[in-house]
Amino acid sequence: MPLEPQSDWQRGPLVRYLRWVLIGMLVLMTVYPVGRYIWREYRWRWIIVHHTGSDNGNLDWIIREHQAKGWKDAAYHFVVNNGSRDTVAGQIEISQRWQDRENAGSTQRSYVNEFGIAIVMIGNLQNHPPPLLQREALLSLLVRLASKYDIPPERIRGHNELQNTKCPGKHLDMQQVRREVAAKLASMEK
């Protein structure tokens, strides 16, 4: 008498269970990395601009300051330097927070921290305007991020536009920054 292949129902509940576990694991192994990548890369809806309030600093300095407050890392994704502490004006430093695509910790608005890219300008822009190279680097970074993540210029905000603070300072006109970013984005579309 020839042997017929057994159906799942004839193999027993453990075999059926293990088969579905294996199928589920294969699905998760293919879908999860893709879903995680999409979440990490395309969740961004805001860009928030800050200043440090100090004319002397860099990413390492910010990390130390924030760790002294009990935080794991710098609260910002990008640092635009003014030329202090062995940096060049306009030099952009990328934090581990951005490399890991972690939420920002730069505002008291949780939705902005979760969906916002945080950029900090080294300097006290309440007292003086940023150096030209630093301002140009900021604009260039804003244009690149807005273009890549499809963030409209009206979603580029100064910290003070979200909560009661003087950050990023009176010498960084965010309306003008948005106009310049919009113009550069429009010229890229031509």
C-alpha atoms as a PDB file:
ATOM      1  CA  MET A   1       0.000   0.000   0.000  1.00  0.00           C
ATOM      2  CA  PRO A   2       1.621   3.359  -1.073  1.00  0.00           C
ATOM      3  CA  LEU A   3       2.288   5.972   1.578  1.00  0.00           C
ATOM      4  CA  GLU A   4       0.353   9.165   1.138  1.00  0.00           C
ATOM      5  CA  PRO A   5       1.830  12.460   2.300  1.00  0.00           C
ATOM      6  CA  GLN A   6       0.339  13.518   5.586  1.00  0.00           C
ATOM      7  CA  SER A   7      -1.617  16.734   5.758  1.00  0.00           C
ATOM      8  CA  ASP A   8      -0.914  19.281   8.480  1.00  0.00           C
ATOM      9  CA  TRP A   9      -3.922  18.024  10.372  1.00  0.00           C
ATOM     10  CA  GLN A  10      -2.531  14.519  10.495  1.00  0.00           C
ATOM     11  CA  ARG A  11       0.904  15.635  11.721  1.00  0.00           C
ATOM     12  CA  GLY A  12      -0.341  16.965  15.034  1.00  0.00           C
ATOM     13  CA  PRO A  13      -0.761  20.356  16.674  1.00  0.00           C
ATOM     14  CA  LEU A  14       2.919  20.910  17.486  1.00  0.00           C
ATOM     15  CA  VAL A  15       3.986  20.498  13.859  1.00  0.00           C
ATOM     16  CA  ARG A  16       1.199  22.818  12.699  1.00  0.00           C
ATOM     17  CA  TYR A  17       2.198  25.399  15.311  1.00  0.00           C
ATOM     18  CA  LEU A  18       5.898  25.244  14.420  1.00  0.00           C
ATOM     19  CA  ARG A  19       5.112  25.575  10.731  1.00  0.00           C
ATOM     20  CA  TRP A  20       3.143  28.790  11.345  1.00  0.00           C
ATOM     21  CA  VAL A  21       5.838  30.108  13.667  1.00  0.00           C
ATOM     22  CA  LEU A  22       8.402  29.548  10.899  1.00  0.00           C
ATOM     23  CA  ILE A  23       6.207  31.271   8.314  1.00  0.00           C
ATOM     24  CA  GLY A  24       5.619  34.171  10.715  1.00  0.00           C
ATOM     25  CA  MET A  25       9.339  34.517  11.379  1.00  0.00           C
ATOM     26  CA  LEU A  26      10.098  34.584   7.653  1.00  0.00           C
ATOM     27  CA  VAL A  27       7.473  37.269   7.095  1.00  0.00           C
ATOM     28  CA  LEU A  28       8.811  39.368   9.985  1.00  0.00           C
ATOM     29  CA  MET A  29      12.398  38.965   8.790  1.00  0.00           C
ATOM     30  CA  THR A  30      11.458  40.392   5.406  1.00  0.00           C
ATOM     31  CA  VAL A  31       8.842  42.981   6.414  1.00  0.00           C
ATOM     32  CA  TYR A  32      10.268  44.309   9.694  1.00  0.00           C
ATOM     33  CA  PRO A  33      13.586  45.615   8.319  1.00  0.00           C
ATOM     34  CA  VAL A  34      11.747  47.320   5.463  1.00  0.00           C
ATOM     35  CA  GLY A  35       9.130  48.780   7.805  1.00  0.00           C
ATOM     36  CA  ARG A  36      11.784  49.886  10.274  1.00  0.00           C
ATOM     37  CA  TYR A  37      13.785  51.522   7.469  1.00  0.00           C
ATOM     38  CA  ILE A  38      10.728  53.355   6.171  1.00  0.00           C
ATOM     39  CA  TRP A  39       9.873  54.562   9.696  1.00  0.00           C
ATOM     40  CA  ARG A  40      13.454  55.644  10.403  1.00  0.00           C
ATOM     41  CA  GLU A  41      13.930  57.442   7.116  1.00  0.00           C
ATOM     42  CA  TYR A  42      10.559  58.907   6.188  1.00  0.00           C
ATOM     43  CA  ARG A  43       8.808  59.884   9.426  1.00  0.00           C
ATOM     44  CA  TRP A  44      10.326  63.378   9.481  1.00  0.00           C
ATOM     45  CA  ARG A  45       7.777  66.206   9.215  1.00  0.00           C
ATOM     46  CA  TRP A  46       9.453  69.146  10.970  1.00  0.00           C
ATOM     47  CA  ILE A  47      12.831  70.834  11.185  1.00  0.00           C
ATOM     48  CA  ILE A  48      13.482  72.804  14.358  1.00  0.00           C
ATOM     49  CA  VAL A  49      16.325  75.339  14.568  1.00  0.00           C
ATOM     50  CA  HIS A  50      17.997  76.225  17.876  1.00  0.00           C
ATOM     51  CA  HIS A  51      21.026  78.147  19.113  1.00  0.00           C
ATOM     52  CA  THR A  52      23.237  77.180  22.027  1.00  0.00           C
ATOM     53  CA  GLY A  53      23.207  80.578  23.704  1.00  0.00           C
ATOM     54  CA  SER A  54      26.989  80.298  24.021  1.00  0.00           C
ATOM     55  CA  ASP A  55      29.526  81.556  21.505  1.00  0.00           C
ATOM     56  CA  ASN A  56      31.942  78.748  22.290  1.00  0.00           C
ATOM     57  CA  GLY A  57      31.055  75.121  21.569  1.00  0.00           C
ATOM     58  CA  ASN A  58      30.909  72.099  19.301  1.00  0.00           C
ATOM     59  CA  LEU A  59      29.199  68.695  19.293  1.00  0.00           C
ATOM     60  CA  ASP A  60      31.477  67.226  21.976  1.00  0.00           C
ATOM     61  CA  TRP A  61      30.775  70.196  24.240  1.00  0.00           C
ATOM     62  CA  ILE A  62      27.008  69.810  23.738  1.00  0.00           C
ATOM     63  CA  ILE A  63      27.191  66.089  24.503  1.00  0.00           C
ATOM     64  CA  ARG A  64      29.042  66.788  27.756  1.00  0.00           C
ATOM     65  CA  GLU A  65      26.548  69.510  28.719  1.00  0.00           C
ATOM     66  CA  HIS A  66      23.565  67.284  28.016  1.00  0.00           C
ATOM     67  CA  GLN A  67      25.057  64.229  29.721  1.00  0.00           C
ATOM     68  CA  ALA A  68      25.603  66.411  32.795  1.00  0.00           C
ATOM     69  CA  LYS A  69      21.808  66.889  32.766  1.00  0.00           C
ATOM     70  CA  GLY A  70      21.384  63.107  32.768  1.00  0.00           C
ATOM     71  CA  TRP A  71      20.634  62.742  29.066  1.00  0.00           C
ATOM     72  CA  LYS A  72      22.168  59.970  26.993  1.00  0.00           C
ATOM     73  CA  ASP A  73      23.371  62.162  24.130  1.00  0.00           C
ATOM     74  CA  ALA A  74      23.035  65.585  22.549  1.00  0.00           C
ATOM     75  CA  ALA A  75      19.386  66.571  22.109  1.00  0.00           C
ATOM     76  CA  TYR A  76      20.061  67.617  18.504  1.00  0.00           C
ATOM     77  CA  HIS A  77      20.628  65.750  15.252  1.00  0.00           C
ATOM     78  CA  PHE A  78      22.943  68.310  13.631  1.00  0.00           C
ATOM     79  CA  VAL A  79      25.300  70.994  14.939  1.00  0.00           C
ATOM     80  CA  VAL A  80      26.244  73.959  12.722  1.00  0.00           C
ATOM     81  CA  ASN A  81      29.504  75.379  14.048  1.00  0.00           C
ATOM     82  CA  ASN A  82      30.603  79.015  14.239  1.00  0.00           C
ATOM     83  CA  GLY A  83      34.351  78.372  14.180  1.00  0.00           C
ATOM     84  CA  SER A  84      34.976  77.990  17.916  1.00  0.00           C
ATOM     85  CA  ARG A  85      36.544  74.981  19.698  1.00  0.00           C
ATOM     86  CA  ASP A  86      38.717  73.739  16.832  1.00  0.00           C
ATOM     87  CA  THR A  87      35.920  73.877  14.270  1.00  0.00           C
ATOM     88  CA  VAL A  88      35.453  75.851  11.074  1.00  0.00           C
ATOM     89  CA  ALA A  89      32.565  78.285  10.661  1.00  0.00           C
ATOM     90  CA  GLY A  90      29.874  76.410   8.759  1.00  0.00           C
ATOM     91  CA  GLN A  91      31.190  72.974   9.663  1.00  0.00           C
ATOM     92  CA  ILE A  92      28.288  70.594  10.251  1.00  0.00           C
ATOM     93  CA  GLU A  93      28.618  67.846  12.842  1.00  0.00           C
ATOM     94  CA  ILE A  94      26.237  64.882  12.831  1.00  0.00           C
ATOM     95  CA  SER A  95      25.244  63.460  16.207  1.00  0.00           C
ATOM     96  CA  GLN A  96      24.819  59.816  17.085  1.00  0.00           C
ATOM     97  CA  ARG A  97      21.146  60.658  17.615  1.00  0.00           C
ATOM     98  CA  TRP A  98      20.833  61.281  13.855  1.00  0.00           C
ATOM     99  CA  GLN A  99      22.918  58.268  12.874  1.00  0.00           C
ATOM    100  CA  ASP A 100      20.582  56.098  14.968  1.00  0.00           C
ATOM    101  CA  ARG A 101      17.550  58.131  13.796  1.00  0.00           C
ATOM    102  CA  GLU A 102      16.432  58.625  17.389  1.00  0.00           C
ATOM    103  CA  ASN A 103      13.845  61.197  18.404  1.00  0.00           C
ATOM    104  CA  ALA A 104      15.135  64.644  19.197  1.00  0.00           C
ATOM    105  CA  GLY A 105      14.965  65.925  22.742  1.00  0.00           C
ATOM    106  CA  SER A 106      15.056  69.580  21.866  1.00  0.00           C
ATOM    107  CA  THR A 107      11.529  70.828  22.601  1.00  0.00           C
ATOM    108  CA  GLN A 108       8.746  70.236  25.096  1.00  0.00           C
ATOM    109  CA  ARG A 109       6.470  69.103  22.260  1.00  0.00           C
ATOM    110  CA  SER A 110       6.589  65.308  22.009  1.00  0.00           C
ATOM    111  CA  TYR A 111       5.163  65.179  18.463  1.00  0.00           C
ATOM    112  CA  VAL A 112       7.843  67.598  17.262  1.00  0.00           C
ATOM    113  CA  ASN A 113      10.579  65.615  19.011  1.00  0.00           C
ATOM    114  CA  GLU A 114       9.314  62.393  17.421  1.00  0.00           C
ATOM    115  CA  PHE A 115       8.789  63.734  13.908  1.00  0.00           C
ATOM    116  CA  GLY A 116      11.246  66.641  13.912  1.00  0.00           C
ATOM    117  CA  ILE A 117      14.870  67.018  12.908  1.00  0.00           C
ATOM    118  CA  ALA A 118      16.698  69.178  15.450  1.00  0.00           C
ATOM    119  CA  ILE A 119      19.475  71.514  14.293  1.00  0.00           C
ATOM    120  CA  VAL A 120      21.469  73.717  16.651  1.00  0.00           C
ATOM    121  CA  MET A 121      23.605  76.703  15.731  1.00  0.00           C
ATOM    122  CA  ILE A 122      26.615  77.283  17.979  1.00  0.00           C
ATOM    123  CA  GLY A 123      26.429  80.870  19.211  1.00  0.00           C
ATOM    124  CA  ASN A 124      24.279  83.333  21.073  1.00  0.00           C
ATOM    125  CA  LEU A 125      22.110  84.612  18.241  1.00  0.00           C
ATOM    126  CA  GLN A 126      20.187  86.763  20.683  1.00  0.00           C
ATOM    127  CA  ASN A 127      23.281  89.003  20.912  1.00  0.00           C
ATOM    128  CA  HIS A 128      24.602  88.946  17.318  1.00  0.00           C
ATOM    129  CA  PRO A 129      23.946  87.395  13.899  1.00  0.00           C
ATOM    130  CA  PRO A 130      25.675  84.152  12.921  1.00  0.00           C
ATOM    131  CA  PRO A 131      28.840  84.290  10.792  1.00  0.00           C
ATOM    132  CA  LEU A 132      28.006  84.241   7.070  1.00  0.00           C
ATOM    133  CA  LEU A 133      29.543  80.783   6.535  1.00  0.00           C
ATOM    134  CA  GLN A 134      27.518  79.377   9.421  1.00  0.00           C
ATOM    135  CA  ARG A 135      24.286  80.866   8.083  1.00  0.00           C
ATOM    136  CA  GLU A 136      24.976  79.555   4.570  1.00  0.00           C
ATOM    137  CA  ALA A 137      25.715  76.093   5.973  1.00  0.00           C
ATOM    138  CA  LEU A 138      22.411  76.176   7.866  1.00  0.00           C
ATOM    139  CA  LEU A 139      20.501  77.123   4.699  1.00  0.00           C
ATOM    140  CA  SER A 140      22.244  74.400   2.708  1.00  0.00           C
ATOM    141  CA  LEU A 141      21.445  71.788   5.365  1.00  0.00           C
ATOM    142  CA  LEU A 142      17.816  72.916   5.569  1.00  0.00           C
ATOM    143  CA  VAL A 143      17.426  72.695   1.787  1.00  0.00           C
ATOM    144  CA  ARG A 144      18.966  69.199   1.676  1.00  0.00           C
ATOM    145  CA  LEU A 145      16.799  67.884   4.506  1.00  0.00           C
ATOM    146  CA  ALA A 146      13.600  69.563   3.273  1.00  0.00           C
ATOM    147  CA  SER A 147      14.177  68.176  -0.210  1.00  0.00           C
ATOM    148  CA  LYS A 148      15.073  64.642   0.872  1.00  0.00           C
ATOM    149  CA  TYR A 149      12.254  64.256   3.408  1.00  0.00           C
ATOM    150  CA  ASP A 150       9.637  66.367   1.606  1.00  0.00           C
ATOM    151  CA  ILE A 151       9.331  68.858   4.451  1.00  0.00           C
ATOM    152  CA  PRO A 152       7.680  72.102   3.305  1.00  0.00           C
ATOM    153  CA  PRO A 153       9.398  75.374   4.317  1.00  0.00           C
ATOM    154  CA  GLU A 154       6.484  76.322   6.580  1.00  0.00           C
ATOM    155  CA  ARG A 155       7.396  73.310   8.741  1.00  0.00           C
ATOM    156  CA  ILE A 156      10.890  74.703   9.355  1.00  0.00           C
ATOM    157  CA  ARG A 157      10.540  76.426  12.695  1.00  0.00           C
ATOM    158  CA  GLY A 158      12.579  78.239  15.261  1.00  0.00           C
ATOM    159  CA  HIS A 159      12.339  76.817  18.759  1.00  0.00           C
ATOM    160  CA  ASN A 160      10.643  80.063  19.850  1.00  0.00           C
ATOM    161  CA  GLU A 161       7.817  79.431  17.382  1.00  0.00           C
ATOM    162  CA  LEU A 162       6.832  76.322  19.328  1.00  0.00           C
ATOM    163  CA  GLN A 163       7.220  77.442  22.919  1.00  0.00           C
ATOM    164  CA  ASN A 164       8.040  80.498  24.988  1.00  0.00           C
ATOM    165  CA  THR A 165      11.801  80.890  24.563  1.00  0.00           C
ATOM    166  CA  LYS A 166      14.209  83.287  22.861  1.00  0.00           C
ATOM    167  CA  CYS A 167      15.894  80.421  20.998  1.00  0.00           C
ATOM    168  CA  PRO A 168      17.205  80.627  18.239  1.00  0.00           C
ATOM    169  CA  GLY A 169      17.705  84.317  18.971  1.00  0.00           C
ATOM    170  CA  LYS A 170      16.470  87.574  17.471  1.00  0.00           C
ATOM    171  CA  HIS A 171      19.310  87.687  14.922  1.00  0.00           C
ATOM    172  CA  LEU A 172      18.083  84.599  13.070  1.00  0.00           C
ATOM    173  CA  ASP A 173      14.924  85.655  11.245  1.00  0.00           C
ATOM    174  CA  MET A 174      13.095  82.376  10.677  1.00  0.00           C
ATOM    175  CA  GLN A 175      10.610  83.938   8.228  1.00  0.00           C
ATOM    176  CA  GLN A 176      13.549  85.027   6.070  1.00  0.00           C
ATOM    177  CA  VAL A 177      15.161  81.594   6.451  1.00  0.00           C
ATOM    178  CA  ARG A 178      11.931  79.936   5.242  1.00  0.00           C
ATOM    179  CA  ARG A 179      11.726  82.313   2.257  1.00  0.00           C
ATOM    180  CA  GLU A 180      15.312  81.528   1.267  1.00  0.00           C
ATOM    181  CA  VAL A 181      14.787  77.781   1.646  1.00  0.00           C
ATOM    182  CA  ALA A 182      11.586  77.992  -0.437  1.00  0.00           C
ATOM    183  CA  ALA A 183      13.415  79.919  -3.179  1.00  0.00           C
ATOM    184  CA  LYS A 184      16.266  77.394  -3.279  1.00  0.00           C
ATOM    185  CA  LEU A 185      13.834  74.471  -3.372  1.00  0.00           C
ATOM    186  CA  ALA A 186      11.900  76.133  -6.216  1.00  0.00           C
ATOM    187  CA  SER A 187      15.102  76.661  -8.206  1.00  0.00           C
ATOM    188  CA  MET A 188      15.938  72.956  -7.797  1.00  0.00           C
ATOM    189  CA  GLU A 189      12.601  72.004  -9.393  1.00  0.00           C
ATOM    190  CA  LYS A 190      13.316  73.943 -12.598  1.00  0.00           C
END
